[in-house]
C-alpha cells in the first residue's frame, strides 16, 4: 500500500497474517523458515512496525526469516533448494 505521500510503501501486516494463516501448512520449511524477507532500509514507511511484528508475533517469527537485503534473502532461499529437492523430489 502506498503511504499518505505516495513516496514509500506500507507492508500490510493484516494481509500478510491472513495469507500465513491460510498457507502456512504449505510452506516448504525443510531447511528453516518458509519465507525469507529482505528489504532496503527506509523503503517501507512502516519498517519499524513490520520488524517489531516479525520479532514479536509467533505467526511471523516461526515462518519468516528476516534475511537482511533482498540479495541476502535470495541467497538464503537458494541455499534451501537442495534440501527441499532431496526431501520432495525422488
N, C-alpha and C. Protein backbone atom coordinates (compact mmCIF):
# COMPACT_ATOMS: atom_id res chain seq x y z
N UNK A 1 0.86 -1.18 0.00
CA UNK A 1 0.00 0.00 0.00
C UNK A 1 0.89 1.23 0.00
N UNK A 2 0.53 2.27 -0.76
CA UNK A 2 1.34 3.50 -0.71
C UNK A 2 1.12 4.22 0.61
N UNK A 3 2.14 4.99 1.03
CA UNK A 3 1.94 5.82 2.21
C UNK A 3 1.12 7.05 1.81
N UNK A 4 0.86 7.89 2.78
CA UNK A 4 -0.01 9.05 2.53
C UNK A 4 0.56 10.03 1.52
N UNK A 5 1.86 10.04 1.33
CA UNK A 5 2.50 10.96 0.37
C UNK A 5 2.86 10.27 -0.96
N UNK A 6 2.55 9.01 -1.07
CA UNK A 6 2.91 8.21 -2.25
C UNK A 6 4.42 8.22 -2.52
N UNK A 7 5.19 8.25 -1.44
CA UNK A 7 6.65 8.25 -1.56
C UNK A 7 7.25 6.89 -1.18
N UNK A 8 6.60 6.21 -0.25
CA UNK A 8 7.07 4.90 0.20
C UNK A 8 5.87 3.97 0.27
N UNK A 9 6.12 2.75 0.67
CA UNK A 9 5.03 1.78 0.77
C UNK A 9 4.89 1.28 2.20
N UNK A 10 3.70 0.86 2.53
CA UNK A 10 3.41 0.20 3.80
C UNK A 10 3.17 -1.27 3.50
N UNK A 11 3.83 -2.14 4.23
CA UNK A 11 3.55 -3.56 4.12
C UNK A 11 2.32 -3.84 4.98
N UNK A 12 1.30 -4.42 4.39
CA UNK A 12 0.07 -4.70 5.13
C UNK A 12 0.25 -5.95 5.98
N UNK A 13 0.43 -5.75 7.26
CA UNK A 13 0.58 -6.88 8.17
C UNK A 13 -0.72 -7.66 8.30
N UNK A 14 -1.84 -6.99 8.15
CA UNK A 14 -3.15 -7.67 8.20
C UNK A 14 -3.25 -8.67 7.05
N UNK A 15 -2.90 -8.25 5.86
CA UNK A 15 -2.94 -9.17 4.71
C UNK A 15 -1.94 -10.29 4.87
N UNK A 16 -0.75 -9.97 5.33
CA UNK A 16 0.28 -10.99 5.50
C UNK A 16 -0.15 -12.02 6.54
N UNK A 17 -0.76 -11.57 7.63
CA UNK A 17 -1.27 -12.51 8.63
C UNK A 17 -2.29 -13.45 8.01
N UNK A 18 -3.20 -12.88 7.24
CA UNK A 18 -4.25 -13.67 6.59
C UNK A 18 -3.66 -14.72 5.66
N UNK A 19 -2.68 -14.32 4.87
CA UNK A 19 -2.04 -15.26 3.93
C UNK A 19 -1.32 -16.37 4.70
N UNK A 20 -0.58 -16.00 5.73
CA UNK A 20 0.13 -17.02 6.52
C UNK A 20 -0.84 -17.97 7.22
N UNK A 21 -1.92 -17.45 7.73
CA UNK A 21 -2.92 -18.31 8.36
C UNK A 21 -3.44 -19.35 7.35
N UNK A 22 -3.69 -18.91 6.13
CA UNK A 22 -4.24 -19.80 5.11
C UNK A 22 -3.22 -20.78 4.53
N UNK A 23 -1.98 -20.37 4.41
CA UNK A 23 -1.00 -21.16 3.66
C UNK A 23 0.19 -21.67 4.45
N UNK A 24 0.25 -21.44 5.74
CA UNK A 24 1.45 -21.83 6.50
C UNK A 24 1.71 -23.31 6.48
N UNK A 25 0.68 -24.12 6.30
CA UNK A 25 0.88 -25.57 6.25
C UNK A 25 1.43 -26.02 4.89
N UNK A 26 1.55 -25.11 3.94
CA UNK A 26 2.07 -25.45 2.61
C UNK A 26 3.47 -24.91 2.36
N UNK A 27 4.05 -24.24 3.35
CA UNK A 27 5.40 -23.70 3.18
C UNK A 27 6.41 -24.83 3.24
N UNK A 28 7.40 -24.75 2.38
CA UNK A 28 8.49 -25.72 2.40
C UNK A 28 9.51 -25.27 3.43
N UNK A 29 9.49 -25.90 4.58
CA UNK A 29 10.31 -25.45 5.70
C UNK A 29 11.38 -26.47 6.08
N UNK A 30 11.81 -27.27 5.12
CA UNK A 30 12.79 -28.31 5.40
C UNK A 30 14.11 -27.76 5.92
N UNK A 31 14.49 -26.58 5.48
CA UNK A 31 15.80 -26.02 5.85
C UNK A 31 15.64 -24.72 6.62
N UNK A 32 14.63 -24.62 7.46
CA UNK A 32 14.44 -23.40 8.23
C UNK A 32 13.04 -22.85 8.05
N UNK A 33 12.95 -21.56 7.98
CA UNK A 33 11.66 -20.89 7.84
C UNK A 33 11.26 -20.85 6.36
N UNK A 34 9.99 -20.75 6.09
CA UNK A 34 9.50 -20.84 4.72
C UNK A 34 9.53 -19.55 3.93
N UNK A 35 9.69 -18.41 4.60
CA UNK A 35 9.69 -17.12 3.90
C UNK A 35 10.95 -16.35 4.30
N UNK A 36 11.64 -15.85 3.30
CA UNK A 36 12.83 -15.03 3.54
C UNK A 36 12.48 -13.60 3.18
N UNK A 37 12.64 -12.71 4.14
CA UNK A 37 12.26 -11.31 3.96
C UNK A 37 13.52 -10.46 3.86
N UNK A 38 13.73 -9.90 2.70
CA UNK A 38 14.83 -8.97 2.50
C UNK A 38 14.27 -7.60 2.19
N UNK A 39 14.90 -6.57 2.68
CA UNK A 39 14.37 -5.22 2.48
C UNK A 39 15.50 -4.20 2.45
N UNK A 40 15.20 -3.07 1.90
CA UNK A 40 16.12 -1.93 1.90
C UNK A 40 15.62 -0.95 2.96
N UNK A 41 16.48 -0.53 3.88
CA UNK A 41 16.06 0.44 4.89
C UNK A 41 15.47 1.70 4.24
N UNK A 42 14.45 2.20 4.86
CA UNK A 42 13.70 3.42 4.52
C UNK A 42 12.75 3.26 3.34
N UNK A 43 12.68 2.09 2.71
CA UNK A 43 11.71 1.90 1.63
C UNK A 43 10.32 1.71 2.20
N UNK A 44 10.22 0.92 3.26
CA UNK A 44 8.92 0.72 3.91
C UNK A 44 8.63 1.88 4.86
N UNK A 45 7.48 2.47 4.69
CA UNK A 45 7.08 3.55 5.58
C UNK A 45 6.83 3.02 7.00
N UNK A 46 6.41 1.77 7.09
CA UNK A 46 6.14 1.17 8.40
C UNK A 46 7.19 0.12 8.77
N UNK A 47 8.43 0.39 8.40
CA UNK A 47 9.54 -0.54 8.63
C UNK A 47 9.65 -0.98 10.09
N UNK A 48 9.63 -0.05 11.02
CA UNK A 48 9.76 -0.40 12.44
C UNK A 48 8.61 -1.28 12.90
N UNK A 49 7.41 -0.96 12.48
CA UNK A 49 6.24 -1.75 12.85
C UNK A 49 6.37 -3.18 12.29
N UNK A 50 6.80 -3.30 11.05
CA UNK A 50 6.95 -4.62 10.41
C UNK A 50 8.00 -5.44 11.14
N UNK A 51 9.17 -4.87 11.37
CA UNK A 51 10.24 -5.61 12.04
C UNK A 51 9.86 -5.99 13.46
N UNK A 52 9.18 -5.09 14.17
CA UNK A 52 8.71 -5.40 15.52
C UNK A 52 7.72 -6.56 15.49
N UNK A 53 6.79 -6.54 14.55
CA UNK A 53 5.80 -7.61 14.44
C UNK A 53 6.46 -8.93 14.07
N UNK A 54 7.44 -8.89 13.18
CA UNK A 54 8.15 -10.11 12.79
C UNK A 54 8.88 -10.74 13.97
N UNK A 55 9.35 -9.93 14.90
CA UNK A 55 10.03 -10.45 16.09
C UNK A 55 9.04 -10.89 17.16
N UNK A 56 7.97 -10.15 17.33
CA UNK A 56 7.08 -10.35 18.48
C UNK A 56 5.98 -11.40 18.25
N UNK A 57 5.46 -11.49 17.05
CA UNK A 57 4.30 -12.35 16.80
C UNK A 57 4.74 -13.75 16.38
N UNK A 58 4.23 -14.73 17.06
CA UNK A 58 4.62 -16.12 16.79
C UNK A 58 4.35 -16.52 15.34
N UNK A 59 3.22 -16.12 14.80
CA UNK A 59 2.90 -16.46 13.41
C UNK A 59 4.00 -15.99 12.46
N UNK A 60 4.52 -14.81 12.71
CA UNK A 60 5.58 -14.28 11.85
C UNK A 60 6.94 -14.88 12.19
N UNK A 61 7.31 -14.89 13.46
CA UNK A 61 8.68 -15.29 13.78
C UNK A 61 8.93 -16.79 13.60
N UNK A 62 7.89 -17.59 13.49
CA UNK A 62 8.11 -19.01 13.20
C UNK A 62 8.18 -19.29 11.71
N UNK A 63 7.73 -18.36 10.86
CA UNK A 63 7.69 -18.61 9.42
C UNK A 63 8.52 -17.65 8.59
N UNK A 64 8.92 -16.52 9.15
CA UNK A 64 9.63 -15.50 8.37
C UNK A 64 11.04 -15.32 8.91
N UNK A 65 12.00 -15.42 8.02
CA UNK A 65 13.40 -15.18 8.34
C UNK A 65 13.76 -13.80 7.79
N UNK A 66 14.01 -12.84 8.66
CA UNK A 66 14.44 -11.51 8.21
C UNK A 66 15.90 -11.67 7.81
N UNK A 67 16.11 -11.70 6.51
CA UNK A 67 17.40 -12.13 5.95
C UNK A 67 18.33 -10.98 5.63
N UNK A 68 17.93 -9.77 5.85
CA UNK A 68 18.77 -8.62 5.51
C UNK A 68 18.31 -7.98 4.22
N UNK A 69 19.22 -7.87 3.27
CA UNK A 69 18.88 -7.24 1.99
C UNK A 69 18.12 -8.23 1.10
N UNK A 70 17.48 -7.74 0.05
CA UNK A 70 16.85 -8.66 -0.89
C UNK A 70 17.83 -9.70 -1.45
N UNK A 71 19.04 -9.28 -1.73
CA UNK A 71 20.05 -10.21 -2.25
C UNK A 71 20.35 -11.32 -1.23
N UNK A 72 20.48 -10.94 0.03
CA UNK A 72 20.74 -11.93 1.08
C UNK A 72 19.56 -12.89 1.23
N UNK A 73 18.34 -12.37 1.09
CA UNK A 73 17.16 -13.23 1.16
C UNK A 73 17.15 -14.24 0.02
N UNK A 74 17.48 -13.79 -1.19
CA UNK A 74 17.54 -14.71 -2.33
C UNK A 74 18.62 -15.76 -2.14
N UNK A 75 19.75 -15.35 -1.59
CA UNK A 75 20.84 -16.30 -1.35
C UNK A 75 20.39 -17.37 -0.36
N UNK A 76 19.74 -16.97 0.73
CA UNK A 76 19.25 -17.94 1.70
C UNK A 76 18.22 -18.87 1.09
N UNK A 77 17.33 -18.31 0.27
CA UNK A 77 16.33 -19.14 -0.39
C UNK A 77 16.99 -20.16 -1.32
N UNK A 78 17.99 -19.72 -2.07
CA UNK A 78 18.70 -20.61 -2.98
C UNK A 78 19.41 -21.73 -2.21
N UNK A 79 19.91 -21.42 -1.03
CA UNK A 79 20.60 -22.43 -0.22
C UNK A 79 19.65 -23.52 0.26
N UNK A 80 18.36 -23.24 0.33
CA UNK A 80 17.39 -24.24 0.78
C UNK A 80 16.94 -25.16 -0.33
N UNK A 81 17.18 -24.79 -1.59
CA UNK A 81 16.70 -25.58 -2.72
C UNK A 81 17.20 -27.02 -2.68
N UNK A 82 18.50 -27.27 -2.48
CA UNK A 82 18.94 -28.67 -2.43
C UNK A 82 18.25 -29.49 -1.34
N UNK A 83 18.03 -28.89 -0.19
CA UNK A 83 17.38 -29.60 0.91
C UNK A 83 15.94 -29.94 0.54
N UNK A 84 15.24 -28.99 -0.06
CA UNK A 84 13.85 -29.23 -0.48
C UNK A 84 13.81 -30.31 -1.55
N UNK A 85 14.71 -30.24 -2.53
CA UNK A 85 14.74 -31.25 -3.58
C UNK A 85 15.00 -32.65 -3.01
N UNK A 86 15.95 -32.74 -2.09
CA UNK A 86 16.26 -34.04 -1.50
C UNK A 86 15.05 -34.66 -0.82
N UNK A 87 14.28 -33.82 -0.19
CA UNK A 87 13.13 -34.34 0.56
C UNK A 87 11.91 -34.59 -0.31
N UNK A 88 11.67 -33.77 -1.32
CA UNK A 88 10.41 -33.82 -2.06
C UNK A 88 10.51 -34.37 -3.48
N UNK A 89 11.71 -34.47 -4.03
CA UNK A 89 11.87 -34.96 -5.40
C UNK A 89 12.61 -36.30 -5.34
N UNK A 90 11.95 -37.38 -5.73
CA UNK A 90 12.62 -38.70 -5.65
C UNK A 90 13.73 -38.83 -6.70
